[in-house]
Amino acid sequence: MIKSVRKDYPAAVVKMLHLGPKHDVYFRAVTYSPHPDQRRLIGYWGSLDEAVRNVQHWEMSKLPPAWLATGGSTIREMPPATPQKPPPSV
């Protein structure tokens, strides 16, 4: 689970999967809900690090711009988004 940057509960659940005939490794990120049927897909990435960074980007992109401002006059950098891993070849 990935902790939310603005809430006291998780933002997402990331699970490692082996997909396709070659059992390629994928990391699937879904929104957090205590009820699995209410979770929504965020995306698939080739590494845990990419999945975490993209969940953070996804969550921070939903925040108002003022939230990204720190106590001073600087603006917090949003983590860069990376492309999702393409589907496995058949």
Protein backbone atom coordinates (compact mmCIF):
# COMPACT_ATOMS: atom_id res chain seq x y z
CA MET A 1 0.00 0.00 0.00
CA ILE A 2 1.14 3.52 -0.73
CA LYS A 3 0.39 6.13 1.94
CA SER A 4 -1.55 9.20 0.88
CA VAL A 5 0.26 12.54 0.91
CA ARG A 6 -2.83 14.26 2.31
CA LYS A 7 -4.86 11.67 4.22
CA ASP A 8 -4.33 9.26 7.10
CA TYR A 9 -5.06 6.20 4.98
CA PRO A 10 -3.52 4.61 1.90
CA ALA A 11 -3.81 6.24 -1.51
CA ALA A 12 -3.29 3.09 -3.54
CA VAL A 13 -2.53 -0.61 -3.55
CA VAL A 14 0.30 -1.89 -5.75
CA LYS A 15 0.58 -5.56 -6.60
CA MET A 16 3.28 -7.41 -8.55
CA LEU A 17 1.88 -9.59 -11.32
CA HIS A 18 3.38 -11.97 -13.88
CA LEU A 19 1.55 -11.55 -17.19
CA GLY A 20 1.79 -13.02 -20.67
CA PRO A 21 3.39 -16.20 -21.96
CA LYS A 22 6.85 -15.11 -20.72
CA HIS A 23 5.49 -14.16 -17.29
CA ASP A 24 6.68 -10.56 -17.62
CA VAL A 25 6.73 -8.63 -14.33
CA TYR A 26 4.16 -5.83 -14.01
CA PHE A 27 3.22 -3.64 -11.06
CA ARG A 28 -0.50 -2.78 -11.07
CA ALA A 29 -1.65 0.23 -9.07
CA VAL A 30 -5.28 0.69 -8.05
CA THR A 31 -6.96 3.27 -5.83
CA TYR A 32 -7.35 2.26 -2.19
CA SER A 33 -10.65 1.13 -0.78
CA PRO A 34 -11.31 -1.36 2.00
CA HIS A 35 -13.77 -2.93 -0.47
CA PRO A 36 -11.86 -4.42 -3.45
CA ASP A 37 -14.85 -4.01 -5.78
CA GLN A 38 -14.63 -0.22 -5.29
CA ARG A 39 -10.96 0.08 -6.32
CA ARG A 40 -10.16 1.76 -9.66
CA LEU A 41 -7.20 1.09 -11.94
CA ILE A 42 -4.45 3.72 -11.99
CA GLY A 43 -2.06 1.83 -14.27
CA TYR A 44 0.61 -0.81 -14.93
CA TRP A 45 4.37 -0.19 -14.71
CA GLY A 46 7.55 -2.23 -15.06
CA SER A 47 8.97 -1.48 -11.61
CA LEU A 48 7.73 -0.81 -8.10
CA ASP A 49 9.54 2.54 -8.10
CA GLU A 50 7.71 3.65 -11.25
CA ALA A 51 4.36 2.56 -9.83
CA VAL A 52 4.96 4.50 -6.60
CA ARG A 53 6.07 7.66 -8.45
CA ASN A 54 3.05 7.51 -10.74
CA VAL A 55 0.63 7.01 -7.84
CA GLN A 56 2.16 10.08 -6.16
CA HIS A 57 1.84 12.04 -9.41
CA TRP A 58 -1.77 10.87 -9.86
CA GLU A 59 -2.68 11.85 -6.30
CA MET A 60 -0.92 15.23 -6.36
CA SER A 61 -2.46 16.10 -9.75
CA LYS A 62 -5.88 16.07 -8.03
CA LEU A 63 -4.82 18.69 -5.46
CA PRO A 64 -5.49 22.43 -5.82
CA PRO A 65 -2.36 24.37 -6.88
CA ALA A 66 -2.26 26.20 -3.53
CA TRP A 67 -1.67 22.88 -1.76
CA LEU A 68 1.63 22.47 -3.60
CA ALA A 69 2.91 25.75 -2.12
CA THR A 70 5.07 25.32 0.96
CA GLY A 71 5.08 27.60 4.01
CA GLY A 72 7.51 29.86 2.16
CA SER A 73 7.22 31.11 -1.37
CA THR A 74 8.46 27.96 -3.05
CA ILE A 75 6.32 25.46 -4.91
CA ARG A 76 6.66 21.73 -4.27
CA GLU A 77 7.69 19.74 -7.32
CA MET A 78 5.26 17.10 -8.50
CA PRO A 79 6.89 13.73 -9.14
CA PRO A 80 7.20 13.18 -12.89
CA ALA A 81 4.81 10.74 -14.53
CA THR A 82 6.26 7.94 -16.62
CA PRO A 83 4.58 5.97 -19.42
CA GLN A 84 2.84 2.77 -18.50
CA LYS A 85 4.42 -0.56 -19.47
CA PRO A 86 2.90 -1.87 -22.73
CA PRO A 87 0.86 -5.08 -22.61
CA PRO A 88 2.82 -8.34 -22.82
CA SER A 89 3.41 -9.80 -26.28
CA VAL A 90 1.36 -12.85 -27.14
